[in-house]
Each structure stands twice: as structure tokens, then as C-alpha cells.
Amino acid sequence: MGNKYTENTKLSEILGKPEEEKIISKYRLPCLGCPMARLEAQMLTLGQVSKMYGIDLDGLLDELNKIP
């Protein structure tokens, strides 16, 4: 069974899910609550935002994929 979340997962697939948002917040992804981020979330992947903001993608994916 593969991982549920990958570097190609759109940010919008995670927003609105409490456990996932907790983990993203832990990694200090900026502006999660601002309206522009919600719009961009439809286009941006976890890989892209990790690169833009210097987020540890492997650590983020590891934690996200541990959620049942």
C-alpha cells in the first residue's frame, strides 16, 4: 500500500482536515488562513510549498502519512 500523501498532493487536499492541518501548522507553513492561500492551495503541491518555504518535505510527508 502506497502513501496517501506525496510531494504531488495538492495543498487543497489537506486543508479542512483537522489532523493534517495540525501537522502543517507545526511545520510553520505561512498564511494558511489568508484568502489568497486558500486560492493558491488549489494549484500548489506539498512539494512546491515545501521548496518555497524551506520546509522539510520528507518529515512532513512522514507525519502526514502516519495519520490513519
C-alpha atoms as a PDB file:
ATOM      1  CA  MET A   1       0.000   0.000   0.000  1.00  0.00           C
ATOM      2  CA  GLY A   2       1.424   3.372  -1.022  1.00  0.00           C
ATOM      3  CA  ASN A   3       1.474   6.592   0.895  1.00  0.00           C
ATOM      4  CA  LYS A   4      -1.699   8.633   0.911  1.00  0.00           C
ATOM      5  CA  TYR A   5       0.205  11.914   0.604  1.00  0.00           C
ATOM      6  CA  THR A   6       3.100  12.618  -1.773  1.00  0.00           C
ATOM      7  CA  GLU A   7       5.038  15.636  -2.973  1.00  0.00           C
ATOM      8  CA  ASN A   8       2.400  15.927  -5.722  1.00  0.00           C
ATOM      9  CA  THR A   9      -0.539  16.187  -3.303  1.00  0.00           C
ATOM     10  CA  LYS A  10      -2.339  19.500  -3.703  1.00  0.00           C
ATOM     11  CA  LEU A  11      -2.414  21.605  -0.567  1.00  0.00           C
ATOM     12  CA  SER A  12      -6.190  21.867  -1.002  1.00  0.00           C
ATOM     13  CA  GLU A  13      -6.499  18.104  -0.368  1.00  0.00           C
ATOM     14  CA  ILE A  14      -5.197  18.665   3.156  1.00  0.00           C
ATOM     15  CA  LEU A  15      -6.844  21.923   4.176  1.00  0.00           C
ATOM     16  CA  GLY A  16     -10.023  21.380   6.134  1.00  0.00           C
ATOM     17  CA  LYS A  17      -8.787  18.146   7.707  1.00  0.00           C
ATOM     18  CA  PRO A  18      -8.001  18.887  11.377  1.00  0.00           C
ATOM     19  CA  GLU A  19      -5.229  16.328  11.925  1.00  0.00           C
ATOM     20  CA  GLU A  20      -3.484  17.248   8.691  1.00  0.00           C
ATOM     21  CA  GLU A  21      -3.768  20.976   9.378  1.00  0.00           C
ATOM     22  CA  LYS A  22      -2.214  20.456  12.815  1.00  0.00           C
ATOM     23  CA  ILE A  23       0.826  18.868  11.206  1.00  0.00           C
ATOM     24  CA  ILE A  24       1.113  21.544   8.509  1.00  0.00           C
ATOM     25  CA  SER A  25       0.916  24.238  11.191  1.00  0.00           C
ATOM     26  CA  LYS A  26       3.708  22.502  13.095  1.00  0.00           C
ATOM     27  CA  TYR A  27       5.909  22.964  10.019  1.00  0.00           C
ATOM     28  CA  ARG A  28       5.049  26.681  10.045  1.00  0.00           C
ATOM     29  CA  LEU A  29       3.593  26.940   6.585  1.00  0.00           C
ATOM     30  CA  PRO A  30       2.837  30.673   6.388  1.00  0.00           C
ATOM     31  CA  CYS A  31      -0.539  32.232   5.716  1.00  0.00           C
ATOM     32  CA  LEU A  32      -2.702  29.121   5.964  1.00  0.00           C
ATOM     33  CA  GLY A  33      -5.650  31.249   6.978  1.00  0.00           C
ATOM     34  CA  CYS A  34      -5.381  34.021   4.424  1.00  0.00           C
ATOM     35  CA  PRO A  35      -7.827  34.042   1.485  1.00  0.00           C
ATOM     36  CA  MET A  36      -5.057  34.081  -1.134  1.00  0.00           C
ATOM     37  CA  ALA A  37      -3.516  30.914   0.311  1.00  0.00           C
ATOM     38  CA  ARG A  38      -6.853  29.116   0.019  1.00  0.00           C
ATOM     39  CA  LEU A  39      -6.996  30.091  -3.647  1.00  0.00           C
ATOM     40  CA  GLU A  40      -3.375  29.094  -4.315  1.00  0.00           C
ATOM     41  CA  ALA A  41      -3.920  25.800  -2.470  1.00  0.00           C
ATOM     42  CA  GLN A  42      -5.907  24.595  -5.467  1.00  0.00           C
ATOM     43  CA  MET A  43      -2.760  24.812  -7.601  1.00  0.00           C
ATOM     44  CA  LEU A  44       0.196  24.294  -5.259  1.00  0.00           C
ATOM     45  CA  THR A  45       1.536  20.890  -4.252  1.00  0.00           C
ATOM     46  CA  LEU A  46       3.190  19.922  -0.984  1.00  0.00           C
ATOM     47  CA  GLY A  47       6.473  19.667  -2.871  1.00  0.00           C
ATOM     48  CA  GLN A  48       6.146  23.198  -4.226  1.00  0.00           C
ATOM     49  CA  VAL A  49       5.256  24.845  -0.920  1.00  0.00           C
ATOM     50  CA  SER A  50       7.976  22.894   0.875  1.00  0.00           C
ATOM     51  CA  LYS A  51      10.545  24.182  -1.582  1.00  0.00           C
ATOM     52  CA  MET A  52       9.230  27.764  -1.449  1.00  0.00           C
ATOM     53  CA  TYR A  53       9.289  27.935   2.338  1.00  0.00           C
ATOM     54  CA  GLY A  54      12.221  25.648   3.152  1.00  0.00           C
ATOM     55  CA  ILE A  55      10.024  23.008   4.789  1.00  0.00           C
ATOM     56  CA  ASP A  56      11.336  19.501   5.424  1.00  0.00           C
ATOM     57  CA  LEU A  57       9.218  17.657   2.841  1.00  0.00           C
ATOM     58  CA  ASP A  58      10.290  14.171   3.927  1.00  0.00           C
ATOM     59  CA  GLY A  59       9.425  14.884   7.557  1.00  0.00           C
ATOM     60  CA  LEU A  60       6.113  16.468   6.604  1.00  0.00           C
ATOM     61  CA  LEU A  61       5.102  13.551   4.398  1.00  0.00           C
ATOM     62  CA  ASP A  62       6.190  11.040   7.012  1.00  0.00           C
ATOM     63  CA  GLU A  63       3.966  12.652   9.647  1.00  0.00           C
ATOM     64  CA  LEU A  64       1.016  13.116   7.287  1.00  0.00           C
ATOM     65  CA  ASN A  65       1.172   9.506   6.177  1.00  0.00           C
ATOM     66  CA  LYS A  66       1.082   8.257   9.771  1.00  0.00           C
ATOM     67  CA  ILE A  67      -2.444   9.613  10.160  1.00  0.00           C
ATOM     68  CA  PRO A  68      -4.856   6.674   9.996  1.00  0.00           C
END
